[in-house]
Amino acid sequence: MRDITLSISEGEVFGYLGPNGAGKSTTIRCLIGLLKPERGTVAIHGLDPWQDPKMLHQLVGYLPGEVALPDNMTGSQFLGWMRRLRASANGGLYAGRLLDRFDLNPEAVIATMSKGTRQKLALVAAFAHDPAVMILDEPTSGLDPVMQQTFIQWIREENLRGKTIFLSTHQFTEVERTCHRVGILKQGSLSLVDSIDHLRRKSRQVFEVSLGESRDLGFLADPDLDVALVNNRTATITVNGPVIHLIQKLSSLPVVSIREITQDLEEVFMEIYQHDEEETE
């Protein structure tokens, strides 16, 4: 990890993306005080994780990427133990809401639980004290598609309650549907920090163009336009420069429709990574 400068606003949902080994989990461990940076500072709501650990742990909930739970306890025993450890003031009321929300029966012995059930239990335990700041590392690992959708809706609702959320994940859909901004990490450094909407606007634009008669649209291809023929009347055109260049080339053709194809976050992410690699070669 090196030269990471990052500020997240109160009430923001921030997505943290990067391949395995890029440093996402290391960043989180520094945030919550499991690792101490060799240089630089870390603060959450003005609290240093090494100087104010007790206050920080009341303020923050943390779900690690690798969940380790005591196999010999039931889920209820584990949640009770965590509540006593934190001296939580809410009496388990919020934990009960989370149990209902994620359809979790905590009475089973943890050793008998499936991976998905253990993940839900870990999630409830991490945020049972209703913290103002939520830090999640690969939170939906092991969850089925229904529970993944439940998780996304829950994150949105918690943000509407004013919570600040730091979400590290490989699931682009989670980031697209919940986050205001995203940071992309590469080899221990931040490649960029930007809003998802702005990232899409900066990426290449793709259009599907249809004509009213058969034409070979391959002739449109040039350094600024990549053309992929769909059929003898339709082509998908990727614009690498100003869109006006495409409009000018189409002006003499019998165009019946132009439809912009929105790139999803994964496509934008891969484009950014490939661009960075080309620049370093």
C-alpha atoms as a PDB file:
ATOM      1  CA  MET A   1       0.000   0.000   0.000  1.00  0.00           C
ATOM      2  CA  ARG A   2       1.335   3.430  -0.907  1.00  0.00           C
ATOM      3  CA  ASP A   3       0.191   7.002  -1.488  1.00  0.00           C
ATOM      4  CA  ILE A   4      -3.496   6.409  -0.747  1.00  0.00           C
ATOM      5  CA  THR A   5      -5.358   9.642  -0.006  1.00  0.00           C
ATOM      6  CA  LEU A   6      -9.056   9.064   0.507  1.00  0.00           C
ATOM      7  CA  SER A   7     -11.828  11.099   2.114  1.00  0.00           C
ATOM      8  CA  ILE A   8     -15.356   9.730   2.438  1.00  0.00           C
ATOM      9  CA  SER A   9     -18.205  12.045   3.369  1.00  0.00           C
ATOM     10  CA  GLU A  10     -20.618  11.329   6.185  1.00  0.00           C
ATOM     11  CA  GLY A  11     -23.700   9.620   4.740  1.00  0.00           C
ATOM     12  CA  GLU A  12     -21.892   8.392   1.615  1.00  0.00           C
ATOM     13  CA  VAL A  13     -21.817   4.855   0.243  1.00  0.00           C
ATOM     14  CA  PHE A  14     -18.335   4.289  -1.144  1.00  0.00           C
ATOM     15  CA  GLY A  15     -17.389   1.286  -3.279  1.00  0.00           C
ATOM     16  CA  TYR A  16     -13.852  -0.089  -3.241  1.00  0.00           C
ATOM     17  CA  LEU A  17     -12.888  -2.162  -6.265  1.00  0.00           C
ATOM     18  CA  GLY A  18      -9.788  -4.013  -7.357  1.00  0.00           C
ATOM     19  CA  PRO A  19      -8.520  -7.486  -8.219  1.00  0.00           C
ATOM     20  CA  ASN A  20      -7.335  -9.987  -5.618  1.00  0.00           C
ATOM     21  CA  GLY A  21      -4.105  -8.829  -4.018  1.00  0.00           C
ATOM     22  CA  ALA A  22      -4.595  -5.158  -4.917  1.00  0.00           C
ATOM     23  CA  GLY A  23      -4.760  -4.124  -1.242  1.00  0.00           C
ATOM     24  CA  LYS A  24      -8.481  -3.734  -0.502  1.00  0.00           C
ATOM     25  CA  SER A  25      -8.510  -5.807   2.692  1.00  0.00           C
ATOM     26  CA  THR A  26      -5.229  -4.237   3.821  1.00  0.00           C
ATOM     27  CA  THR A  27      -6.812  -0.789   3.501  1.00  0.00           C
ATOM     28  CA  ILE A  28      -9.730  -1.905   5.663  1.00  0.00           C
ATOM     29  CA  ARG A  29      -7.448  -3.398   8.308  1.00  0.00           C
ATOM     30  CA  CYS A  30      -5.687  -0.043   8.551  1.00  0.00           C
ATOM     31  CA  LEU A  31      -9.022   1.754   8.866  1.00  0.00           C
ATOM     32  CA  ILE A  32     -10.158  -0.288  11.854  1.00  0.00           C
ATOM     33  CA  GLY A  33      -6.790  -0.623  13.587  1.00  0.00           C
ATOM     34  CA  LEU A  34      -5.877  -4.227  12.816  1.00  0.00           C
ATOM     35  CA  LEU A  35      -2.813  -2.935  10.966  1.00  0.00           C
ATOM     36  CA  LYS A  36      -0.826   0.223  11.665  1.00  0.00           C
ATOM     37  CA  PRO A  37       0.383   2.168   8.624  1.00  0.00           C
ATOM     38  CA  GLU A  38       4.126   2.756   8.473  1.00  0.00           C
ATOM     39  CA  ARG A  39       3.378   6.369   7.584  1.00  0.00           C
ATOM     40  CA  GLY A  40       0.342   8.575   7.182  1.00  0.00           C
ATOM     41  CA  THR A  41      -2.795   8.871   9.293  1.00  0.00           C
ATOM     42  CA  VAL A  42      -6.191   7.208   9.489  1.00  0.00           C
ATOM     43  CA  ALA A  43      -9.295   8.679  11.131  1.00  0.00           C
ATOM     44  CA  ILE A  44     -12.999   7.845  11.216  1.00  0.00           C
ATOM     45  CA  HIS A  45     -15.175  10.676  12.538  1.00  0.00           C
ATOM     46  CA  GLY A  46     -11.937  12.175  13.824  1.00  0.00           C
ATOM     47  CA  LEU A  47     -11.048   9.052  15.820  1.00  0.00           C
ATOM     48  CA  ASP A  48      -7.661   7.393  15.402  1.00  0.00           C
ATOM     49  CA  PRO A  49      -8.080   3.575  15.488  1.00  0.00           C
ATOM     50  CA  TRP A  50      -4.938   3.210  17.595  1.00  0.00           C
ATOM     51  CA  GLN A  51      -5.563   6.058  20.037  1.00  0.00           C
ATOM     52  CA  ASP A  52      -9.351   5.727  20.391  1.00  0.00           C
ATOM     53  CA  PRO A  53     -10.113   2.015  19.794  1.00  0.00           C
ATOM     54  CA  LYS A  54     -13.013   1.679  22.255  1.00  0.00           C
ATOM     55  CA  MET A  55     -14.924   4.678  20.922  1.00  0.00           C
ATOM     56  CA  LEU A  56     -14.190   3.634  17.352  1.00  0.00           C
ATOM     57  CA  HIS A  57     -15.545   0.118  17.872  1.00  0.00           C
ATOM     58  CA  GLN A  58     -18.812   1.557  19.190  1.00  0.00           C
ATOM     59  CA  LEU A  59     -19.081   3.804  16.161  1.00  0.00           C
ATOM     60  CA  VAL A  60     -18.045   1.285  13.493  1.00  0.00           C
ATOM     61  CA  GLY A  61     -19.348  -2.113  12.399  1.00  0.00           C
ATOM     62  CA  TYR A  62     -16.952  -4.325  10.437  1.00  0.00           C
ATOM     63  CA  LEU A  63     -17.674  -7.471   8.441  1.00  0.00           C
ATOM     64  CA  PRO A  64     -14.399  -9.181   7.407  1.00  0.00           C
ATOM     65  CA  GLY A  65     -13.884 -10.941   4.114  1.00  0.00           C
ATOM     66  CA  GLU A  66     -12.994 -14.204   5.824  1.00  0.00           C
ATOM     67  CA  VAL A  67     -15.495 -15.074   8.525  1.00  0.00           C
ATOM     68  CA  ALA A  68     -14.372 -17.173  11.507  1.00  0.00           C
ATOM     69  CA  LEU A  69     -17.100 -18.131  13.986  1.00  0.00           C
ATOM     70  CA  PRO A  70     -17.001 -20.328  17.119  1.00  0.00           C
ATOM     71  CA  ASP A  71     -18.359 -23.705  15.980  1.00  0.00           C
ATOM     72  CA  ASN A  72     -19.414 -24.844  19.454  1.00  0.00           C
ATOM     73  CA  MET A  73     -21.862 -21.969  20.044  1.00  0.00           C
ATOM     74  CA  THR A  74     -25.381 -21.517  18.740  1.00  0.00           C
ATOM     75  CA  GLY A  75     -26.058 -18.397  16.729  1.00  0.00           C
ATOM     76  CA  SER A  76     -27.977 -16.893  19.652  1.00  0.00           C
ATOM     77  CA  GLN A  77     -25.122 -17.537  22.072  1.00  0.00           C
ATOM     78  CA  PHE A  78     -22.665 -15.918  19.698  1.00  0.00           C
ATOM     79  CA  LEU A  79     -24.844 -12.830  19.225  1.00  0.00           C
ATOM     80  CA  GLY A  80     -25.303 -12.536  22.989  1.00  0.00           C
ATOM     81  CA  TRP A  81     -21.562 -12.826  23.535  1.00  0.00           C
ATOM     82  CA  MET A  82     -20.898 -10.107  20.949  1.00  0.00           C
ATOM     83  CA  ARG A  83     -23.522  -7.852  22.550  1.00  0.00           C
ATOM     84  CA  ARG A  84     -21.898  -8.208  25.976  1.00  0.00           C
ATOM     85  CA  LEU A  85     -18.452  -7.649  24.475  1.00  0.00           C
ATOM     86  CA  ARG A  86     -19.589  -4.343  22.992  1.00  0.00           C
ATOM     87  CA  ALA A  87     -21.778  -3.408  25.973  1.00  0.00           C
ATOM     88  CA  SER A  88     -24.378  -2.495  23.355  1.00  0.00           C
ATOM     89  CA  ALA A  89     -27.026  -0.039  24.512  1.00  0.00           C
ATOM     90  CA  ASN A  90     -29.779  -1.051  22.088  1.00  0.00           C
ATOM     91  CA  GLY A  91     -30.599  -4.305  23.892  1.00  0.00           C
ATOM     92  CA  GLY A  92     -30.490  -6.427  20.787  1.00  0.00           C
ATOM     93  CA  LEU A  93     -33.482  -4.701  19.178  1.00  0.00           C
ATOM     94  CA  TYR A  94     -31.652  -3.946  15.956  1.00  0.00           C
ATOM     95  CA  ALA A  95     -30.158  -7.443  15.909  1.00  0.00           C
ATOM     96  CA  GLY A  96     -33.694  -8.824  15.996  1.00  0.00           C
ATOM     97  CA  ARG A  97     -34.638  -6.710  12.991  1.00  0.00           C
ATOM     98  CA  LEU A  98     -31.621  -7.997  11.090  1.00  0.00           C
ATOM     99  CA  LEU A  99     -32.478 -11.608  11.942  1.00  0.00           C
ATOM    100  CA  ASP A 100     -35.943 -11.071  10.489  1.00  0.00           C
ATOM    101  CA  ARG A 101     -34.609  -9.182   7.500  1.00  0.00           C
ATOM    102  CA  PHE A 102     -32.161 -11.909   6.504  1.00  0.00           C
ATOM    103  CA  ASP A 103     -34.505 -14.766   7.450  1.00  0.00           C
ATOM    104  CA  LEU A 104     -32.035 -16.213   9.955  1.00  0.00           C
ATOM    105  CA  ASN A 105     -32.892 -18.664  12.736  1.00  0.00           C
ATOM    106  CA  PRO A 106     -30.022 -18.265  15.223  1.00  0.00           C
ATOM    107  CA  GLU A 107     -30.829 -21.291  17.385  1.00  0.00           C
ATOM    108  CA  ALA A 108     -28.754 -23.787  15.385  1.00  0.00           C
ATOM    109  CA  VAL A 109     -25.219 -24.707  16.407  1.00  0.00           C
ATOM    110  CA  ILE A 110     -22.809 -22.775  14.197  1.00  0.00           C
ATOM    111  CA  ALA A 111     -20.933 -25.938  13.203  1.00  0.00           C
ATOM    112  CA  THR A 112     -24.089 -27.224  11.497  1.00  0.00           C
ATOM    113  CA  MET A 113     -24.768 -24.028   9.528  1.00  0.00           C
ATOM    114  CA  SER A 114     -24.234 -23.707   5.781  1.00  0.00           C
ATOM    115  CA  LYS A 115     -21.761 -21.152   4.398  1.00  0.00           C
ATOM    116  CA  GLY A 116     -24.583 -18.781   3.508  1.00  0.00           C
ATOM    117  CA  THR A 117     -26.165 -19.029   6.968  1.00  0.00           C
ATOM    118  CA  ARG A 118     -22.800 -18.430   8.647  1.00  0.00           C
ATOM    119  CA  GLN A 119     -22.329 -15.355   6.454  1.00  0.00           C
ATOM    120  CA  LYS A 120     -25.727 -14.002   7.486  1.00  0.00           C
ATOM    121  CA  LEU A 121     -24.910 -14.621  11.149  1.00  0.00           C
ATOM    122  CA  ALA A 122     -21.592 -12.803  10.773  1.00  0.00           C
ATOM    123  CA  LEU A 123     -23.386  -9.889   9.142  1.00  0.00           C
ATOM    124  CA  VAL A 124     -25.944  -9.646  11.963  1.00  0.00           C
ATOM    125  CA  ALA A 125     -23.182  -9.866  14.584  1.00  0.00           C
ATOM    126  CA  ALA A 126     -21.106  -7.166  12.888  1.00  0.00           C
ATOM    127  CA  PHE A 127     -23.928  -4.611  12.752  1.00  0.00           C
ATOM    128  CA  ALA A 128     -26.191  -5.593  15.661  1.00  0.00           C
ATOM    129  CA  HIS A 129     -25.141  -2.462  17.593  1.00  0.00           C
ATOM    130  CA  ASP A 130     -26.580  -0.271  14.798  1.00  0.00           C
ATOM    131  CA  PRO A 131     -23.300   1.555  14.041  1.00  0.00           C
ATOM    132  CA  ALA A 132     -23.101   4.908  12.258  1.00  0.00           C
ATOM    133  CA  VAL A 133     -20.264   3.644  10.027  1.00  0.00           C
ATOM    134  CA  MET A 134     -20.407   0.281   8.264  1.00  0.00           C
ATOM    135  CA  ILE A 135     -17.328  -1.342   6.709  1.00  0.00           C
ATOM    136  CA  LEU A 136     -17.925  -4.476   4.658  1.00  0.00           C
ATOM    137  CA  ASP A 137     -15.388  -6.708   2.921  1.00  0.00           C
ATOM    138  CA  GLU A 138     -16.976  -9.083   0.357  1.00  0.00           C
ATOM    139  CA  PRO A 139     -20.277  -9.073   2.316  1.00  0.00           C
ATOM    140  CA  THR A 140     -22.371 -11.291   0.027  1.00  0.00           C
ATOM    141  CA  SER A 141     -19.879 -14.146  -0.276  1.00  0.00           C
ATOM    142  CA  GLY A 142     -21.903 -17.342   0.102  1.00  0.00           C
ATOM    143  CA  LEU A 143     -25.298 -15.645  -0.073  1.00  0.00           C
ATOM    144  CA  ASP A 144     -27.849 -16.898  -2.592  1.00  0.00           C
ATOM    145  CA  PRO A 145     -29.285 -14.483  -5.214  1.00  0.00           C
ATOM    146  CA  VAL A 146     -32.391 -13.734  -3.151  1.00  0.00           C
ATOM    147  CA  MET A 147     -30.319 -12.776  -0.119  1.00  0.00           C
ATOM    148  CA  GLN A 148     -27.985 -10.713  -2.312  1.00  0.00           C
ATOM    149  CA  GLN A 149     -30.981  -8.648  -3.407  1.00  0.00           C
ATOM    150  CA  THR A 150     -32.103  -8.363   0.222  1.00  0.00           C
ATOM    151  CA  PHE A 151     -28.624  -7.142   1.122  1.00  0.00           C
ATOM    152  CA  ILE A 152     -28.638  -4.460  -1.602  1.00  0.00           C
ATOM    153  CA  GLN A 153     -32.012  -3.148  -0.436  1.00  0.00           C
ATOM    154  CA  TRP A 154     -30.836  -3.139   3.177  1.00  0.00           C
ATOM    155  CA  ILE A 155     -27.718  -1.121   2.278  1.00  0.00           C
ATOM    156  CA  ARG A 156     -29.888   1.450   0.509  1.00  0.00           C
ATOM    157  CA  GLU A 157     -32.194   1.745   3.504  1.00  0.00           C
ATOM    158  CA  GLU A 158     -29.314   2.071   5.967  1.00  0.00           C
ATOM    159  CA  ASN A 159     -27.840   4.842   3.858  1.00  0.00           C
ATOM    160  CA  LEU A 160     -31.209   6.635   3.891  1.00  0.00           C
ATOM    161  CA  ARG A 161     -30.953   6.474   7.697  1.00  0.00           C
ATOM    162  CA  GLY A 162     -27.761   8.510   7.360  1.00  0.00           C
ATOM    163  CA  LYS A 163     -25.147   5.792   7.686  1.00  0.00           C
ATOM    164  CA  THR A 164     -21.733   5.984   6.070  1.00  0.00           C
ATOM    165  CA  ILE A 165     -20.877   2.750   4.257  1.00  0.00           C
ATOM    166  CA  PHE A 166     -17.542   1.493   2.900  1.00  0.00           C
ATOM    167  CA  LEU A 167     -18.141  -1.475   0.607  1.00  0.00           C
ATOM    168  CA  SER A 168     -15.285  -3.602  -0.723  1.00  0.00           C
ATOM    169  CA  THR A 169     -16.549  -6.193  -3.187  1.00  0.00           C
ATOM    170  CA  HIS A 170     -16.067  -8.032  -6.460  1.00  0.00           C
ATOM    171  CA  GLN A 171     -19.779  -7.738  -7.198  1.00  0.00           C
ATOM    172  CA  PHE A 172     -20.153  -4.849  -9.631  1.00  0.00           C
ATOM    173  CA  THR A 173     -23.953  -4.981  -9.395  1.00  0.00           C
ATOM    174  CA  GLU A 174     -23.778  -4.257  -5.665  1.00  0.00           C
ATOM    175  CA  VAL A 175     -21.628  -1.199  -6.286  1.00  0.00           C
ATOM    176  CA  GLU A 176     -23.734   0.102  -9.176  1.00  0.00           C
ATOM    177  CA  ARG A 177     -26.958  -0.192  -7.204  1.00  0.00           C
ATOM    178  CA  THR A 178     -25.759   1.206  -3.871  1.00  0.00           C
ATOM    179  CA  CYS A 179     -22.694   3.453  -4.165  1.00  0.00           C
ATOM    180  CA  HIS A 180     -22.309   7.175  -4.763  1.00  0.00           C
ATOM    181  CA  ARG A 181     -18.615   6.984  -5.599  1.00  0.00           C
ATOM    182  CA  VAL A 182     -16.091   4.274  -6.289  1.00  0.00           C
ATOM    183  CA  GLY A 183     -12.350   3.929  -5.775  1.00  0.00           C
ATOM    184  CA  ILE A 184     -10.382   1.603  -8.043  1.00  0.00           C
ATOM    185  CA  LEU A 185      -7.275   0.102  -6.483  1.00  0.00           C
ATOM    186  CA  LYS A 186      -4.396  -1.314  -8.488  1.00  0.00           C
ATOM    187  CA  GLN A 187      -1.194  -2.828  -7.099  1.00  0.00           C
ATOM    188  CA  GLY A 188      -1.540  -1.028  -3.778  1.00  0.00           C
ATOM    189  CA  SER A 189      -2.334   2.431  -5.195  1.00  0.00           C
ATOM    190  CA  LEU A 190      -5.567   4.222  -6.001  1.00  0.00           C
ATOM    191  CA  SER A 191      -5.961   4.342  -9.766  1.00  0.00           C
ATOM    192  CA  LEU A 192      -8.906   6.749  -9.493  1.00  0.00           C
ATOM    193  CA  VAL A 193     -11.793   7.920  -7.325  1.00  0.00           C
ATOM    194  CA  ASP A 194     -14.929   9.093  -9.087  1.00  0.00           C
ATOM    195  CA  SER A 195     -18.712   8.927  -9.168  1.00  0.00           C
ATOM    196  CA  ILE A 196     -20.194   6.029 -11.113  1.00  0.00           C
ATOM    197  CA  ASP A 197     -22.156   8.391 -13.364  1.00  0.00           C
ATOM    198  CA  HIS A 198     -19.015  10.332 -14.222  1.00  0.00           C
ATOM    199  CA  LEU A 199     -17.082   7.142 -14.896  1.00  0.00           C
ATOM    200  CA  ARG A 200     -19.705   6.103 -17.422  1.00  0.00           C
ATOM    201  CA  ARG A 201     -19.598   9.501 -19.115  1.00  0.00           C
ATOM    202  CA  LYS A 202     -15.811   9.337 -19.416  1.00  0.00           C
ATOM    203  CA  SER A 203     -15.848   5.849 -20.936  1.00  0.00           C
ATOM    204  CA  ARG A 204     -16.213   5.094 -24.612  1.00  0.00           C
ATOM    205  CA  GLN A 205     -19.735   5.517 -25.972  1.00  0.00           C
ATOM    206  CA  VAL A 206     -21.412   2.648 -27.808  1.00  0.00           C
ATOM    207  CA  PHE A 207     -24.349   3.029 -30.207  1.00  0.00           C
ATOM    208  CA  GLU A 208     -26.534   0.632 -32.144  1.00  0.00           C
ATOM    209  CA  VAL A 209     -27.295   2.152 -35.558  1.00  0.00           C
ATOM    210  CA  SER A 210     -30.043   0.818 -37.849  1.00  0.00           C
ATOM    211  CA  LEU A 211     -30.645   1.797 -41.477  1.00  0.00           C
ATOM    212  CA  GLY A 212     -33.795   1.720 -43.574  1.00  0.00           C
ATOM    213  CA  GLU A 213     -32.070  -0.247 -46.338  1.00  0.00           C
ATOM    214  CA  SER A 214     -29.241  -2.748 -46.693  1.00  0.00           C
ATOM    215  CA  ARG A 215     -25.789  -1.170 -46.575  1.00  0.00           C
ATOM    216  CA  ASP A 216     -22.342  -2.392 -45.609  1.00  0.00           C
ATOM    217  CA  LEU A 217     -21.633  -0.213 -42.576  1.00  0.00           C
ATOM    218  CA  GLY A 218     -18.099  -1.526 -42.348  1.00  0.00           C
ATOM    219  CA  PHE A 219     -16.913   1.474 -44.353  1.00  0.00           C
ATOM    220  CA  LEU A 220     -17.586   3.687 -41.295  1.00  0.00           C
ATOM    221  CA  ALA A 221     -14.644   2.179 -39.397  1.00  0.00           C
ATOM    222  CA  ASP A 222     -11.693   4.487 -38.740  1.00  0.00           C
ATOM    223  CA  PRO A 223      -9.344   5.202 -35.786  1.00  0.00           C
ATOM    224  CA  ASP A 224     -12.214   6.874 -33.872  1.00  0.00           C
ATOM    225  CA  LEU A 225     -14.959   4.392 -34.745  1.00  0.00           C
ATOM    226  CA  ASP A 226     -14.979   0.629 -34.119  1.00  0.00           C
ATOM    227  CA  VAL A 227     -17.753  -1.046 -36.150  1.00  0.00           C
ATOM    228  CA  ALA A 228     -19.248  -4.472 -35.433  1.00  0.00           C
ATOM    229  CA  LEU A 229     -21.864  -5.580 -37.955  1.00  0.00           C
ATOM    230  CA  VAL A 230     -25.053  -7.081 -36.486  1.00  0.00           C
ATOM    231  CA  ASN A 231     -26.751  -7.691 -39.880  1.00  0.00           C
ATOM    232  CA  ASN A 232     -26.918  -5.964 -43.262  1.00  0.00           C
ATOM    233  CA  ARG A 233     -28.865  -3.046 -41.804  1.00  0.00           C
ATOM    234  CA  THR A 234     -27.568  -2.753 -38.237  1.00  0.00           C
ATOM    235  CA  ALA A 235     -24.166  -2.223 -36.625  1.00  0.00           C
ATOM    236  CA  THR A 236     -22.801  -1.593 -33.144  1.00  0.00           C
ATOM    237  CA  ILE A 237     -20.390   1.347 -33.229  1.00  0.00           C
ATOM    238  CA  THR A 238     -17.963   2.240 -30.451  1.00  0.00           C
ATOM    239  CA  VAL A 239     -16.915   5.894 -30.464  1.00  0.00           C
ATOM    240  CA  ASN A 240     -13.379   6.565 -29.247  1.00  0.00           C
ATOM    241  CA  GLY A 241     -13.530  10.309 -29.878  1.00  0.00           C
ATOM    242  CA  PRO A 242     -16.161  13.060 -30.187  1.00  0.00           C
ATOM    243  CA  VAL A 243     -19.666  11.771 -30.995  1.00  0.00           C
ATOM    244  CA  ILE A 244     -20.047  14.472 -33.645  1.00  0.00           C
ATOM    245  CA  HIS A 245     -17.606  12.473 -35.785  1.00  0.00           C
ATOM    246  CA  LEU A 246     -20.112   9.576 -35.907  1.00  0.00           C
ATOM    247  CA  ILE A 247     -23.038  11.922 -36.597  1.00  0.00           C
ATOM    248  CA  GLN A 248     -21.201  13.472 -39.522  1.00  0.00           C
ATOM    249  CA  LYS A 249     -20.480  10.075 -41.050  1.00  0.00           C
ATOM    250  CA  LEU A 250     -24.122   8.996 -40.674  1.00  0.00           C
ATOM    251  CA  SER A 251     -25.580  12.216 -42.077  1.00  0.00           C
ATOM    252  CA  SER A 252     -25.750  10.912 -45.661  1.00  0.00           C
ATOM    253  CA  LEU A 253     -27.200   7.504 -44.749  1.00  0.00           C
ATOM    254  CA  PRO A 254     -30.881   6.446 -44.378  1.00  0.00           C
ATOM    255  CA  VAL A 255     -30.706   6.089 -40.581  1.00  0.00           C
ATOM    256  CA  VAL A 256     -33.955   4.969 -38.908  1.00  0.00           C
ATOM    257  CA  SER A 257     -32.706   4.661 -35.328  1.00  0.00           C
ATOM    258  CA  ILE A 258     -29.700   5.327 -33.088  1.00  0.00           C
ATOM    259  CA  ARG A 259     -29.698   3.769 -29.632  1.00  0.00           C
ATOM    260  CA  GLU A 260     -26.992   4.319 -27.031  1.00  0.00           C
ATOM    261  CA  ILE A 261     -25.900   1.126 -25.275  1.00  0.00           C
ATOM    262  CA  THR A 262     -25.085   1.883 -21.654  1.00  0.00           C
ATOM    263  CA  GLN A 263     -21.931   0.243 -20.356  1.00  0.00           C
ATOM    264  CA  ASP A 264     -22.184  -1.470 -17.006  1.00  0.00           C
ATOM    265  CA  LEU A 265     -19.623  -0.831 -14.269  1.00  0.00           C
ATOM    266  CA  GLU A 266     -17.686  -4.008 -15.003  1.00  0.00           C
ATOM    267  CA  GLU A 267     -17.076  -2.901 -18.596  1.00  0.00           C
ATOM    268  CA  VAL A 268     -15.954   0.543 -17.401  1.00  0.00           C
ATOM    269  CA  PHE A 269     -13.678  -1.084 -14.804  1.00  0.00           C
ATOM    270  CA  MET A 270     -12.016  -3.334 -17.386  1.00  0.00           C
ATOM    271  CA  GLU A 271     -11.598  -0.419 -19.778  1.00  0.00           C
ATOM    272  CA  ILE A 272      -9.840   1.630 -17.079  1.00  0.00           C
ATOM    273  CA  TYR A 273      -7.546  -1.252 -16.163  1.00  0.00           C
ATOM    274  CA  GLN A 274      -6.624  -1.942 -19.767  1.00  0.00           C
ATOM    275  CA  HIS A 275      -5.951   1.754 -20.355  1.00  0.00           C
ATOM    276  CA  ASP A 276      -3.651   1.920 -17.302  1.00  0.00           C
ATOM    277  CA  GLU A 277      -1.747  -1.155 -18.466  1.00  0.00           C
ATOM    278  CA  GLU A 278      -1.259   0.321 -21.937  1.00  0.00           C
ATOM    279  CA  GLU A 279       0.121   3.530 -20.422  1.00  0.00           C
ATOM    280  CA  THR A 280       2.673   1.633 -18.299  1.00  0.00           C
ATOM    281  CA  GLU A 281       3.982  -0.464 -21.194  1.00  0.00           C
END
